[in-house]
Amino acid sequence: MISASNSWTVCVSSDVELNFLVYVARAYSICDEYFDKHGAWPNRQVSLSDQLHHELETQWQDFWNGSIQLKAEAKIQQKAALESQAPDLAVSHPMCAQLNHNHVSPFVLDQPYFEAIQHRGLREALAAQWPSFIQWWNMPAGGQAAMQYWEHIPDLIRYVREFEIEAGRPIQSFHLDVELIYNGPCKPIEVTDEYVIMPIRTDYLMKPDWWNERFKERY
């Protein structure tokens, strides 16, 4: 997608699987230090014994880390495939900020029973929370609608132009995938230079200074 010297692309999207994993973590109060503590989400919290809580937290953390790495690798492969198929695309579209609803989902949760999940504790937790999550996600004013609203919030073209005016030069070529998570994590997760997981918080999405610092450091 990117071949012009001053081309850039930012794809803002949300992923149902990652949002579900965070929903489960919040329901069982695991990895709380990892997430934004603003509000209780979901409304119903599940209590476990200390031992089961620790085991579930470890299983969830391992699965989460593996999942986002798989997604990062899949995005790299997808980008390479697109560039090989349409090498002139960036020349005709030297800059863009787009919404990407064709989510890359390299891992399969096998909902609603999650039989592919190795650890029993995590598998049972996912199965228990899936019905309430998917009901909330598909409500007219639920999670999916909220995420699609926030996908439109960042004024990325303006942020880039303001950076170029301040820097006195065109921004360097770059591609960035931003995936949004409802009510967490506390701050953006830089999985790779081209893949960031971000909470739906104005501190990042609507703050030109945050984007400007990122552009200075990398582009």
N, C-alpha and C. Protein backbone atom coordinates (compact mmCIF):
# COMPACT_ATOMS: atom_id res chain seq x y z
N MET A 1 0.81 -1.21 0.00
CA MET A 1 0.00 0.00 0.00
C MET A 1 0.84 1.26 0.00
N ILE A 2 2.10 1.21 0.47
CA ILE A 2 2.88 2.42 0.66
C ILE A 2 4.13 2.37 -0.21
N SER A 3 4.22 3.29 -1.19
CA SER A 3 5.43 3.35 -1.98
C SER A 3 5.88 4.77 -2.25
N ALA A 4 4.96 5.76 -2.19
CA ALA A 4 5.36 7.14 -2.38
C ALA A 4 6.19 7.61 -1.20
N SER A 5 7.11 8.55 -1.47
CA SER A 5 8.06 8.95 -0.43
C SER A 5 7.38 9.62 0.75
N ASN A 6 6.24 10.29 0.51
CA ASN A 6 5.56 10.97 1.62
C ASN A 6 4.19 10.35 1.90
N SER A 7 4.02 9.07 1.60
CA SER A 7 2.73 8.43 1.80
C SER A 7 2.60 7.91 3.21
N TRP A 8 1.37 7.85 3.69
CA TRP A 8 1.13 7.29 5.02
C TRP A 8 -0.30 6.75 5.06
N THR A 9 -0.48 5.76 5.89
CA THR A 9 -1.79 5.13 6.05
C THR A 9 -2.00 4.79 7.51
N VAL A 10 -3.15 5.17 8.04
CA VAL A 10 -3.56 4.77 9.39
C VAL A 10 -4.92 4.09 9.27
N CYS A 11 -4.99 2.85 9.72
CA CYS A 11 -6.24 2.09 9.72
C CYS A 11 -6.74 1.95 11.15
N VAL A 12 -7.91 2.50 11.44
CA VAL A 12 -8.49 2.44 12.78
C VAL A 12 -9.65 1.45 12.76
N SER A 13 -9.61 0.48 13.66
CA SER A 13 -10.64 -0.55 13.67
C SER A 13 -10.82 -1.06 15.09
N SER A 14 -11.75 -1.98 15.25
CA SER A 14 -11.93 -2.66 16.53
C SER A 14 -12.15 -4.14 16.23
N ASP A 15 -11.74 -4.99 17.14
CA ASP A 15 -11.75 -6.43 16.92
C ASP A 15 -12.60 -7.08 18.00
N VAL A 16 -13.58 -7.87 17.59
CA VAL A 16 -14.51 -8.46 18.56
C VAL A 16 -13.79 -9.43 19.48
N GLU A 17 -12.82 -10.20 18.96
CA GLU A 17 -12.15 -11.18 19.80
C GLU A 17 -11.33 -10.52 20.90
N LEU A 18 -10.57 -9.49 20.54
CA LEU A 18 -9.75 -8.82 21.56
C LEU A 18 -10.63 -8.12 22.59
N ASN A 19 -11.71 -7.50 22.13
CA ASN A 19 -12.62 -6.86 23.07
C ASN A 19 -13.26 -7.89 24.00
N PHE A 20 -13.54 -9.07 23.48
CA PHE A 20 -14.11 -10.12 24.32
C PHE A 20 -13.11 -10.59 25.36
N LEU A 21 -11.86 -10.76 24.99
CA LEU A 21 -10.85 -11.18 25.96
C LEU A 21 -10.72 -10.17 27.09
N VAL A 22 -10.78 -8.89 26.77
CA VAL A 22 -10.72 -7.87 27.81
C VAL A 22 -11.98 -7.90 28.67
N TYR A 23 -13.11 -8.12 28.06
CA TYR A 23 -14.38 -8.25 28.79
C TYR A 23 -14.28 -9.36 29.83
N VAL A 24 -13.72 -10.51 29.44
CA VAL A 24 -13.56 -11.63 30.37
C VAL A 24 -12.62 -11.26 31.50
N ALA A 25 -11.51 -10.63 31.17
CA ALA A 25 -10.56 -10.22 32.20
C ALA A 25 -11.21 -9.28 33.21
N ARG A 26 -12.02 -8.35 32.71
CA ARG A 26 -12.67 -7.41 33.62
C ARG A 26 -13.74 -8.10 34.46
N ALA A 27 -14.44 -9.08 33.88
CA ALA A 27 -15.48 -9.79 34.62
C ALA A 27 -14.92 -10.55 35.81
N TYR A 28 -13.69 -11.06 35.66
CA TYR A 28 -13.06 -11.85 36.72
C TYR A 28 -12.01 -11.05 37.50
N SER A 29 -11.94 -9.75 37.24
CA SER A 29 -10.99 -8.87 37.95
C SER A 29 -9.57 -9.40 37.88
N ILE A 30 -9.16 -9.83 36.70
CA ILE A 30 -7.79 -10.30 36.53
C ILE A 30 -6.99 -9.26 35.75
N CYS A 31 -5.72 -9.15 36.09
CA CYS A 31 -4.82 -8.18 35.45
C CYS A 31 -5.39 -6.77 35.57
N ASP A 32 -5.96 -6.44 36.73
CA ASP A 32 -6.60 -5.14 36.90
C ASP A 32 -5.65 -3.97 36.68
N GLU A 33 -4.36 -4.17 37.02
CA GLU A 33 -3.40 -3.09 36.84
C GLU A 33 -3.17 -2.76 35.37
N TYR A 34 -3.62 -3.64 34.51
CA TYR A 34 -3.42 -3.53 33.07
C TYR A 34 -4.45 -2.62 32.41
N PHE A 35 -5.60 -2.42 33.10
CA PHE A 35 -6.74 -1.79 32.46
C PHE A 35 -7.14 -0.49 33.13
N ASP A 36 -7.87 0.30 32.36
CA ASP A 36 -8.44 1.55 32.85
C ASP A 36 -9.48 1.23 33.91
N LYS A 37 -9.38 1.86 35.06
CA LYS A 37 -10.29 1.57 36.17
C LYS A 37 -11.54 2.45 36.14
N HIS A 38 -11.76 3.17 35.05
CA HIS A 38 -12.92 4.04 34.95
C HIS A 38 -14.18 3.21 34.72
N GLY A 39 -15.02 3.11 35.75
CA GLY A 39 -16.28 2.40 35.62
C GLY A 39 -16.14 0.90 35.72
N ALA A 40 -17.23 0.23 36.08
CA ALA A 40 -17.26 -1.23 36.17
C ALA A 40 -17.79 -1.79 34.86
N TRP A 41 -17.05 -2.66 34.26
CA TRP A 41 -17.44 -3.26 32.98
C TRP A 41 -16.86 -4.65 32.91
N PRO A 42 -17.69 -5.67 32.78
CA PRO A 42 -19.17 -5.63 32.77
C PRO A 42 -19.74 -5.37 34.16
N ASN A 43 -21.07 -5.21 34.21
CA ASN A 43 -21.71 -4.88 35.48
C ASN A 43 -21.61 -6.02 36.49
N ARG A 44 -21.68 -7.25 36.01
CA ARG A 44 -21.62 -8.41 36.91
C ARG A 44 -20.18 -8.91 37.01
N GLN A 45 -19.66 -8.90 38.23
CA GLN A 45 -18.30 -9.38 38.48
C GLN A 45 -18.36 -10.78 39.09
N VAL A 46 -17.37 -11.60 38.78
CA VAL A 46 -17.32 -12.98 39.24
C VAL A 46 -16.20 -13.12 40.27
N SER A 47 -16.50 -13.72 41.41
CA SER A 47 -15.51 -13.94 42.46
C SER A 47 -14.99 -15.37 42.40
N LEU A 48 -13.67 -15.51 42.53
CA LEU A 48 -13.03 -16.82 42.56
C LEU A 48 -12.16 -16.92 43.80
N SER A 49 -11.83 -18.15 44.18
CA SER A 49 -10.86 -18.33 45.26
C SER A 49 -9.51 -17.79 44.78
N ASP A 50 -8.63 -17.48 45.72
CA ASP A 50 -7.33 -16.92 45.37
C ASP A 50 -6.56 -17.82 44.41
N GLN A 51 -6.61 -19.11 44.64
CA GLN A 51 -5.86 -20.03 43.79
C GLN A 51 -6.42 -20.05 42.37
N LEU A 52 -7.75 -20.16 42.24
CA LEU A 52 -8.36 -20.18 40.92
C LEU A 52 -8.18 -18.85 40.21
N HIS A 53 -8.24 -17.77 40.97
CA HIS A 53 -8.04 -16.44 40.40
C HIS A 53 -6.64 -16.31 39.82
N HIS A 54 -5.64 -16.77 40.56
CA HIS A 54 -4.25 -16.71 40.10
C HIS A 54 -4.05 -17.57 38.86
N GLU A 55 -4.63 -18.77 38.85
CA GLU A 55 -4.49 -19.66 37.70
C GLU A 55 -5.13 -19.05 36.46
N LEU A 56 -6.33 -18.49 36.62
CA LEU A 56 -7.02 -17.89 35.49
C LEU A 56 -6.26 -16.67 34.97
N GLU A 57 -5.72 -15.89 35.88
CA GLU A 57 -4.96 -14.70 35.48
C GLU A 57 -3.75 -15.09 34.64
N THR A 58 -3.04 -16.13 35.05
CA THR A 58 -1.87 -16.60 34.31
C THR A 58 -2.28 -17.12 32.93
N GLN A 59 -3.35 -17.91 32.89
CA GLN A 59 -3.82 -18.46 31.62
C GLN A 59 -4.27 -17.35 30.68
N TRP A 60 -5.00 -16.40 31.23
CA TRP A 60 -5.49 -15.30 30.40
C TRP A 60 -4.32 -14.49 29.85
N GLN A 61 -3.36 -14.14 30.69
CA GLN A 61 -2.23 -13.32 30.26
C GLN A 61 -1.44 -14.01 29.15
N ASP A 62 -1.20 -15.30 29.29
CA ASP A 62 -0.48 -16.05 28.26
C ASP A 62 -1.26 -16.05 26.94
N PHE A 63 -2.57 -16.27 27.05
CA PHE A 63 -3.38 -16.32 25.83
C PHE A 63 -3.47 -14.94 25.18
N TRP A 64 -3.60 -13.91 25.98
CA TRP A 64 -3.66 -12.53 25.46
C TRP A 64 -2.37 -12.18 24.73
N ASN A 65 -1.23 -12.43 25.35
CA ASN A 65 0.05 -12.11 24.72
C ASN A 65 0.23 -12.87 23.41
N GLY A 66 -0.13 -14.16 23.43
CA GLY A 66 -0.02 -14.94 22.21
C GLY A 66 -0.95 -14.45 21.12
N SER A 67 -2.15 -14.02 21.51
CA SER A 67 -3.14 -13.56 20.54
C SER A 67 -2.70 -12.29 19.84
N ILE A 68 -2.20 -11.31 20.59
CA ILE A 68 -1.82 -10.06 19.95
C ILE A 68 -0.57 -10.24 19.09
N GLN A 69 0.30 -11.16 19.46
CA GLN A 69 1.45 -11.44 18.60
C GLN A 69 1.01 -12.11 17.30
N LEU A 70 0.05 -13.02 17.39
CA LEU A 70 -0.48 -13.65 16.18
C LEU A 70 -1.13 -12.61 15.27
N LYS A 71 -1.87 -11.68 15.86
CA LYS A 71 -2.50 -10.64 15.07
C LYS A 71 -1.45 -9.76 14.41
N ALA A 72 -0.38 -9.43 15.13
CA ALA A 72 0.68 -8.60 14.56
C ALA A 72 1.31 -9.29 13.36
N GLU A 73 1.60 -10.57 13.50
CA GLU A 73 2.20 -11.33 12.40
C GLU A 73 1.25 -11.40 11.20
N ALA A 74 -0.04 -11.59 11.47
CA ALA A 74 -1.01 -11.66 10.38
C ALA A 74 -1.13 -10.33 9.65
N LYS A 75 -1.06 -9.23 10.38
CA LYS A 75 -1.13 -7.91 9.76
C LYS A 75 0.08 -7.65 8.88
N ILE A 76 1.25 -8.09 9.32
CA ILE A 76 2.46 -7.94 8.50
C ILE A 76 2.29 -8.71 7.19
N GLN A 77 1.79 -9.93 7.29
CA GLN A 77 1.59 -10.75 6.09
C GLN A 77 0.53 -10.15 5.18
N GLN A 78 -0.54 -9.62 5.78
CA GLN A 78 -1.60 -9.01 4.98
C GLN A 78 -1.09 -7.78 4.25
N LYS A 79 -0.32 -6.95 4.93
CA LYS A 79 0.23 -5.74 4.31
C LYS A 79 1.17 -6.10 3.16
N ALA A 80 2.02 -7.11 3.37
CA ALA A 80 2.94 -7.53 2.32
C ALA A 80 2.18 -8.04 1.10
N ALA A 81 1.11 -8.78 1.35
CA ALA A 81 0.31 -9.31 0.25
C ALA A 81 -0.36 -8.19 -0.54
N LEU A 82 -0.88 -7.19 0.16
CA LEU A 82 -1.52 -6.06 -0.51
C LEU A 82 -0.52 -5.27 -1.33
N GLU A 83 0.67 -5.07 -0.78
CA GLU A 83 1.69 -4.32 -1.50
C GLU A 83 2.13 -5.05 -2.76
N SER A 84 2.21 -6.36 -2.70
CA SER A 84 2.63 -7.13 -3.87
C SER A 84 1.54 -7.16 -4.94
N GLN A 85 0.27 -7.07 -4.51
CA GLN A 85 -0.83 -7.10 -5.46
C GLN A 85 -1.10 -5.75 -6.09
N ALA A 86 -0.86 -4.67 -5.33
CA ALA A 86 -1.16 -3.32 -5.82
C ALA A 86 -0.04 -2.37 -5.44
N PRO A 87 1.14 -2.50 -6.05
CA PRO A 87 2.28 -1.67 -5.65
C PRO A 87 2.10 -0.19 -5.96
N ASP A 88 1.17 0.16 -6.87
CA ASP A 88 1.00 1.56 -7.24
C ASP A 88 -0.11 2.25 -6.47
N LEU A 89 -0.73 1.53 -5.53
CA LEU A 89 -1.87 2.09 -4.81
C LEU A 89 -1.49 3.34 -4.04
N ALA A 90 -0.33 3.33 -3.39
CA ALA A 90 0.06 4.48 -2.56
C ALA A 90 0.40 5.69 -3.40
N VAL A 91 0.84 5.48 -4.65
CA VAL A 91 1.17 6.61 -5.49
C VAL A 91 -0.08 7.40 -5.83
N SER A 92 -1.18 6.68 -6.09
CA SER A 92 -2.42 7.36 -6.43
C SER A 92 -3.14 7.88 -5.20
N HIS A 93 -2.80 7.35 -4.01
CA HIS A 93 -3.39 7.80 -2.75
C HIS A 93 -2.25 8.05 -1.76
N PRO A 94 -1.55 9.19 -1.89
CA PRO A 94 -0.34 9.39 -1.09
C PRO A 94 -0.58 9.55 0.40
N MET A 95 -1.79 9.83 0.82
CA MET A 95 -2.05 9.92 2.25
C MET A 95 -3.49 9.51 2.51
N CYS A 96 -3.73 8.85 3.62
CA CYS A 96 -5.11 8.51 3.95
C CYS A 96 -5.21 8.09 5.39
N ALA A 97 -6.40 8.30 5.94
CA ALA A 97 -6.76 7.76 7.25
C ALA A 97 -8.04 6.99 7.02
N GLN A 98 -8.03 5.71 7.23
CA GLN A 98 -9.18 4.91 6.85
C GLN A 98 -9.66 4.04 7.99
N LEU A 99 -10.92 3.64 7.88
CA LEU A 99 -11.49 2.68 8.81
C LEU A 99 -11.39 1.31 8.17
N ASN A 100 -11.01 0.35 8.96
CA ASN A 100 -10.79 -0.99 8.43
C ASN A 100 -11.72 -1.96 9.15
N HIS A 101 -12.82 -2.30 8.50
CA HIS A 101 -13.76 -3.24 9.11
C HIS A 101 -13.51 -4.68 8.67
N ASN A 102 -12.49 -4.90 7.86
CA ASN A 102 -12.10 -6.26 7.49
C ASN A 102 -11.05 -6.73 8.48
N HIS A 103 -11.49 -7.07 9.66
CA HIS A 103 -10.56 -7.35 10.74
C HIS A 103 -9.73 -8.59 10.47
N VAL A 104 -8.49 -8.53 10.86
CA VAL A 104 -7.62 -9.69 10.79
C VAL A 104 -7.80 -10.50 12.07
N SER A 105 -8.27 -11.71 11.94
CA SER A 105 -8.50 -12.57 13.10
C SER A 105 -7.76 -13.89 12.91
N PRO A 106 -6.47 -13.90 13.18
CA PRO A 106 -5.68 -15.09 12.91
C PRO A 106 -5.91 -16.22 13.91
N PHE A 107 -6.50 -15.91 15.06
CA PHE A 107 -6.78 -16.96 16.03
C PHE A 107 -8.29 -17.16 16.12
N VAL A 108 -8.70 -18.39 16.31
CA VAL A 108 -10.12 -18.73 16.31
C VAL A 108 -10.50 -19.19 17.71
N LEU A 109 -11.46 -18.49 18.31
CA LEU A 109 -11.86 -18.82 19.67
C LEU A 109 -12.86 -19.98 19.72
N ASP A 110 -13.48 -20.31 18.59
CA ASP A 110 -14.46 -21.40 18.54
C ASP A 110 -15.61 -21.17 19.52
N GLN A 111 -16.13 -19.95 19.53
CA GLN A 111 -17.29 -19.68 20.37
C GLN A 111 -18.50 -20.44 19.84
N PRO A 112 -19.46 -20.82 20.68
CA PRO A 112 -19.58 -20.44 22.09
C PRO A 112 -18.97 -21.43 23.08
N TYR A 113 -18.37 -22.52 22.60
CA TYR A 113 -17.87 -23.54 23.54
C TYR A 113 -16.36 -23.48 23.73
N PHE A 114 -15.65 -22.83 22.81
CA PHE A 114 -14.21 -22.57 22.96
C PHE A 114 -13.40 -23.85 23.16
N GLU A 115 -13.74 -24.86 22.37
CA GLU A 115 -13.09 -26.16 22.53
C GLU A 115 -11.61 -26.13 22.16
N ALA A 116 -11.18 -25.11 21.39
CA ALA A 116 -9.77 -25.04 21.00
C ALA A 116 -8.88 -24.51 22.11
N ILE A 117 -9.47 -23.97 23.18
CA ILE A 117 -8.69 -23.42 24.28
C ILE A 117 -8.17 -24.55 25.15
N GLN A 118 -6.87 -24.60 25.33
CA GLN A 118 -6.24 -25.73 26.03
C GLN A 118 -6.59 -25.76 27.51
N HIS A 119 -6.49 -24.62 28.19
CA HIS A 119 -6.67 -24.59 29.64
C HIS A 119 -8.16 -24.60 30.01
N ARG A 120 -8.52 -25.52 30.87
CA ARG A 120 -9.93 -25.68 31.23
C ARG A 120 -10.48 -24.43 31.91
N GLY A 121 -9.73 -23.85 32.84
CA GLY A 121 -10.22 -22.69 33.56
C GLY A 121 -10.54 -21.53 32.63
N LEU A 122 -9.63 -21.24 31.71
CA LEU A 122 -9.87 -20.16 30.75
C LEU A 122 -11.01 -20.51 29.81
N ARG A 123 -11.06 -21.75 29.36
CA ARG A 123 -12.13 -22.18 28.45
C ARG A 123 -13.50 -22.00 29.11
N GLU A 124 -13.62 -22.40 30.36
CA GLU A 124 -14.90 -22.27 31.06
C GLU A 124 -15.26 -20.81 31.30
N ALA A 125 -14.26 -19.99 31.58
CA ALA A 125 -14.52 -18.56 31.79
C ALA A 125 -15.01 -17.91 30.50
N LEU A 126 -14.39 -18.24 29.38
CA LEU A 126 -14.81 -17.70 28.10
C LEU A 126 -16.24 -18.13 27.77
N ALA A 127 -16.53 -19.41 27.97
CA ALA A 127 -17.87 -19.92 27.67
C ALA A 127 -18.93 -19.28 28.55
N ALA A 128 -18.59 -19.02 29.80
CA ALA A 128 -19.55 -18.43 30.73
C ALA A 128 -19.87 -16.99 30.37
N GLN A 129 -18.88 -16.25 29.85
CA GLN A 129 -19.07 -14.82 29.60
C GLN A 129 -19.52 -14.51 28.18
N TRP A 130 -19.37 -15.46 27.26
CA TRP A 130 -19.69 -15.17 25.87
C TRP A 130 -21.14 -14.71 25.65
N PRO A 131 -22.17 -15.37 26.21
CA PRO A 131 -23.54 -14.94 25.94
C PRO A 131 -23.80 -13.48 26.33
N SER A 132 -23.35 -13.07 27.51
CA SER A 132 -23.60 -11.69 27.93
C SER A 132 -22.78 -10.71 27.09
N PHE A 133 -21.56 -11.09 26.73
CA PHE A 133 -20.74 -10.20 25.91
C PHE A 133 -21.36 -9.98 24.54
N ILE A 134 -21.70 -11.05 23.85
CA ILE A 134 -22.18 -10.91 22.47
C ILE A 134 -23.54 -10.21 22.45
N GLN A 135 -24.34 -10.39 23.50
CA GLN A 135 -25.60 -9.65 23.59
C GLN A 135 -25.32 -8.15 23.71
N TRP A 136 -24.38 -7.78 24.57
CA TRP A 136 -24.00 -6.37 24.72
C TRP A 136 -23.38 -5.83 23.44
N TRP A 137 -22.52 -6.62 22.82
CA TRP A 137 -21.80 -6.18 21.62
C TRP A 137 -22.76 -5.85 20.48
N ASN A 138 -23.85 -6.64 20.35
CA ASN A 138 -24.76 -6.49 19.22
C ASN A 138 -25.97 -5.61 19.51
N MET A 139 -26.08 -5.06 20.70
CA MET A 139 -27.18 -4.16 21.01
C MET A 139 -27.11 -2.91 20.15
N PRO A 140 -28.26 -2.28 19.82
CA PRO A 140 -28.23 -1.07 19.00
C PRO A 140 -27.31 0.02 19.55
N ALA A 141 -27.26 0.13 20.87
CA ALA A 141 -26.35 1.10 21.49
C ALA A 141 -25.26 0.37 22.28
N GLY A 142 -24.86 -0.78 21.79
CA GLY A 142 -23.90 -1.61 22.50
C GLY A 142 -22.47 -1.41 22.05
N GLY A 143 -21.67 -2.44 22.29
CA GLY A 143 -20.24 -2.31 22.09
C GLY A 143 -19.82 -2.04 20.66
N GLN A 144 -20.38 -2.77 19.71
CA GLN A 144 -19.98 -2.58 18.32
C GLN A 144 -20.31 -1.19 17.83
N ALA A 145 -21.50 -0.69 18.18
CA ALA A 145 -21.89 0.66 17.78
C ALA A 145 -20.97 1.70 18.40
N ALA A 146 -20.62 1.50 19.67
CA ALA A 146 -19.72 2.43 20.34
C ALA A 146 -18.35 2.44 19.67
N MET A 147 -17.84 1.26 19.32
CA MET A 147 -16.52 1.19 18.71
C MET A 147 -16.51 1.85 17.34
N GLN A 148 -17.58 1.66 16.57
CA GLN A 148 -17.64 2.29 15.26
C GLN A 148 -17.71 3.80 15.37
N TYR A 149 -18.35 4.31 16.40
CA TYR A 149 -18.35 5.75 16.65
C TYR A 149 -16.94 6.25 16.92
N TRP A 150 -16.22 5.56 17.80
CA TRP A 150 -14.88 6.00 18.17
C TRP A 150 -13.88 5.84 17.04
N GLU A 151 -14.13 4.93 16.13
CA GLU A 151 -13.23 4.77 14.99
C GLU A 151 -13.17 6.03 14.14
N HIS A 152 -14.23 6.84 14.18
CA HIS A 152 -14.28 8.07 13.39
C HIS A 152 -13.70 9.28 14.12
N ILE A 153 -13.35 9.13 15.38
CA ILE A 153 -12.98 10.28 16.20
C ILE A 153 -11.63 10.90 15.84
N PRO A 154 -10.55 10.14 15.70
CA PRO A 154 -9.24 10.78 15.48
C PRO A 154 -9.21 11.55 14.16
N ASP A 155 -8.82 12.82 14.22
CA ASP A 155 -8.69 13.66 13.01
C ASP A 155 -7.24 13.54 12.53
N LEU A 156 -6.92 12.39 11.97
CA LEU A 156 -5.53 12.06 11.69
C LEU A 156 -4.92 12.91 10.59
N ILE A 157 -5.72 13.27 9.60
CA ILE A 157 -5.18 14.12 8.54
C ILE A 157 -4.74 15.46 9.11
N ARG A 158 -5.54 16.01 10.01
CA ARG A 158 -5.16 17.28 10.65
C ARG A 158 -3.92 17.11 11.51
N TYR A 159 -3.82 16.00 12.26
CA TYR A 159 -2.66 15.78 13.11
C TYR A 159 -1.38 15.71 12.28
N VAL A 160 -1.45 15.02 11.14
CA VAL A 160 -0.26 14.91 10.29
C VAL A 160 0.10 16.27 9.71
N ARG A 161 -0.88 17.01 9.24
CA ARG A 161 -0.60 18.33 8.65
C ARG A 161 0.00 19.27 9.69
N GLU A 162 -0.51 19.24 10.90
CA GLU A 162 0.05 20.10 11.96
C GLU A 162 1.48 19.70 12.27
N PHE A 163 1.77 18.40 12.27
CA PHE A 163 3.14 17.95 12.49
C PHE A 163 4.05 18.45 11.37
N GLU A 164 3.60 18.35 10.13
CA GLU A 164 4.43 18.77 9.00
C GLU A 164 4.70 20.27 9.03
N ILE A 165 3.71 21.05 9.45
CA ILE A 165 3.92 22.50 9.58
C ILE A 165 4.95 22.79 10.66
N GLU A 166 4.81 22.13 11.81
CA GLU A 166 5.75 22.36 12.91
C GLU A 166 7.15 21.87 12.57
N ALA A 167 7.24 20.70 11.91
CA ALA A 167 8.54 20.13 11.59
C ALA A 167 9.18 20.79 10.37
N GLY A 168 8.37 21.44 9.56
CA GLY A 168 8.90 22.08 8.37
C GLY A 168 9.31 21.09 7.29
N ARG A 169 8.68 19.94 7.29
CA ARG A 169 9.01 18.90 6.30
C ARG A 169 7.84 17.93 6.18
N PRO A 170 7.77 17.19 5.07
CA PRO A 170 6.74 16.15 4.96
C PRO A 170 7.02 15.02 5.94
N ILE A 171 5.98 14.40 6.41
CA ILE A 171 6.15 13.24 7.27
C ILE A 171 6.70 12.08 6.45
N GLN A 172 7.49 11.23 7.07
CA GLN A 172 8.03 10.07 6.38
C GLN A 172 6.93 9.04 6.14
N SER A 173 7.17 8.17 5.17
CA SER A 173 6.20 7.12 4.87
C SER A 173 6.01 6.22 6.08
N PHE A 174 4.76 5.87 6.37
CA PHE A 174 4.50 4.90 7.43
C PHE A 174 3.12 4.29 7.25
N HIS A 175 2.94 3.14 7.86
CA HIS A 175 1.65 2.47 7.93
C HIS A 175 1.40 2.12 9.39
N LEU A 176 0.19 2.39 9.87
CA LEU A 176 -0.13 2.11 11.27
C LEU A 176 -1.53 1.52 11.37
N ASP A 177 -1.64 0.36 12.01
CA ASP A 177 -2.92 -0.23 12.36
C ASP A 177 -3.21 0.09 13.82
N VAL A 178 -4.35 0.72 14.08
CA VAL A 178 -4.79 1.03 15.44
C VAL A 178 -6.06 0.24 15.72
N GLU A 179 -6.01 -0.62 16.73
CA GLU A 179 -7.20 -1.37 17.13
C GLU A 179 -7.68 -0.86 18.48
N LEU A 180 -8.96 -0.59 18.56
CA LEU A 180 -9.55 0.01 19.75
C LEU A 180 -10.15 -1.04 20.67
N ILE A 181 -9.96 -0.82 21.97
CA ILE A 181 -10.50 -1.70 23.00
C ILE A 181 -11.38 -0.88 23.93
N TYR A 182 -12.57 -1.38 24.20
CA TYR A 182 -13.50 -0.70 25.09
C TYR A 182 -13.03 -0.82 26.53
N ASN A 183 -12.90 0.34 27.20
CA ASN A 183 -12.60 0.38 28.65
C ASN A 183 -11.31 -0.34 29.02
N GLY A 184 -10.28 -0.12 28.26
CA GLY A 184 -8.98 -0.71 28.60
C GLY A 184 -8.19 -0.94 27.35
N PRO A 185 -6.90 -1.08 27.44
CA PRO A 185 -5.99 -1.01 28.58
C PRO A 185 -5.76 0.43 29.05
N CYS A 186 -4.95 0.59 30.09
CA CYS A 186 -4.72 1.93 30.65
C CYS A 186 -4.08 2.87 29.65
N LYS A 187 -3.18 2.36 28.84
CA LYS A 187 -2.48 3.17 27.85
C LYS A 187 -2.24 2.32 26.60
N PRO A 188 -1.90 2.95 25.49
CA PRO A 188 -1.69 2.18 24.26
C PRO A 188 -0.63 1.10 24.42
N ILE A 189 -0.87 -0.03 23.77
CA ILE A 189 0.09 -1.14 23.74
C ILE A 189 0.77 -1.12 22.38
N GLU A 190 2.06 -0.86 22.36
CA GLU A 190 2.82 -0.84 21.11
C GLU A 190 3.27 -2.27 20.81
N VAL A 191 2.44 -3.00 20.09
CA VAL A 191 2.78 -4.38 19.77
C VAL A 191 3.96 -4.42 18.81
N THR A 192 3.89 -3.62 17.74
CA THR A 192 5.00 -3.39 16.82
C THR A 192 4.97 -1.92 16.43
N ASP A 193 5.93 -1.49 15.63
CA ASP A 193 5.93 -0.10 15.16
C ASP A 193 4.72 0.20 14.30
N GLU A 194 4.08 -0.84 13.75
CA GLU A 194 2.96 -0.64 12.84
C GLU A 194 1.63 -1.13 13.41
N TYR A 195 1.62 -1.54 14.65
CA TYR A 195 0.39 -2.10 15.23
C TYR A 195 0.28 -1.67 16.68
N VAL A 196 -0.77 -0.89 16.98
CA VAL A 196 -1.00 -0.35 18.32
C VAL A 196 -2.41 -0.72 18.76
N ILE A 197 -2.52 -1.21 19.99
CA ILE A 197 -3.83 -1.45 20.62
C ILE A 197 -4.09 -0.29 21.56
N MET A 198 -5.24 0.35 21.40
CA MET A 198 -5.48 1.62 22.09
C MET A 198 -6.83 1.62 22.80
N PRO A 199 -6.90 2.16 24.00
CA PRO A 199 -8.20 2.32 24.67
C PRO A 199 -8.98 3.46 24.03
N ILE A 200 -10.30 3.44 24.16
CA ILE A 200 -11.10 4.54 23.62
C ILE A 200 -11.11 5.67 24.65
N ARG A 201 -10.01 6.39 24.67
CA ARG A 201 -9.83 7.51 25.59
C ARG A 201 -9.40 8.73 24.81
N THR A 202 -9.97 9.88 25.16
CA THR A 202 -9.62 11.11 24.46
C THR A 202 -8.16 11.49 24.70
N ASP A 203 -7.56 10.99 25.79
CA ASP A 203 -6.15 11.28 26.07
C ASP A 203 -5.25 10.91 24.90
N TYR A 204 -5.68 9.94 24.11
CA TYR A 204 -4.87 9.47 22.99
C TYR A 204 -5.55 9.75 21.65
N LEU A 205 -6.79 9.36 21.52
CA LEU A 205 -7.46 9.47 20.22
C LEU A 205 -7.64 10.91 19.77
N MET A 206 -7.90 11.82 20.71
CA MET A 206 -8.24 13.20 20.36
C MET A 206 -7.18 14.20 20.81
N LYS A 207 -6.01 13.73 21.19
CA LYS A 207 -4.98 14.62 21.71
C LYS A 207 -3.87 14.78 20.68
N PRO A 208 -3.83 15.91 19.97
CA PRO A 208 -2.80 16.11 18.94
C PRO A 208 -1.39 15.97 19.48
N ASP A 209 -1.16 16.37 20.74
CA ASP A 209 0.19 16.30 21.31
C ASP A 209 0.70 14.86 21.35
N TRP A 210 -0.19 13.91 21.67
CA TRP A 210 0.24 12.51 21.73
C TRP A 210 0.67 12.03 20.35
N TRP A 211 -0.15 12.34 19.35
CA TRP A 211 0.19 11.94 17.98
C TRP A 211 1.46 12.65 17.51
N ASN A 212 1.59 13.93 17.84
CA ASN A 212 2.76 14.69 17.42
C ASN A 212 4.05 14.09 17.98
N GLU A 213 4.02 13.69 19.25
CA GLU A 213 5.20 13.06 19.85
C GLU A 213 5.51 11.74 19.16
N ARG A 214 4.49 10.99 18.83
CA ARG A 214 4.72 9.72 18.14
C ARG A 214 5.34 9.96 16.76
N PHE A 215 4.83 10.96 16.05
CA PHE A 215 5.38 11.28 14.73
C PHE A 215 6.84 11.72 14.85
N LYS A 216 7.15 12.52 15.86
CA LYS A 216 8.53 12.98 16.05
C LYS A 216 9.47 11.82 16.30
N GLU A 217 9.05 10.88 17.13
CA GLU A 217 9.91 9.76 17.51
C GLU A 217 10.16 8.80 16.36
N ARG A 218 9.18 8.68 15.46
CA ARG A 218 9.26 7.60 14.46
C ARG A 218 9.33 8.06 13.02
N TYR A 219 8.69 9.19 12.68
CA TYR A 219 8.53 9.53 11.28
C TYR A 219 9.09 10.92 10.94
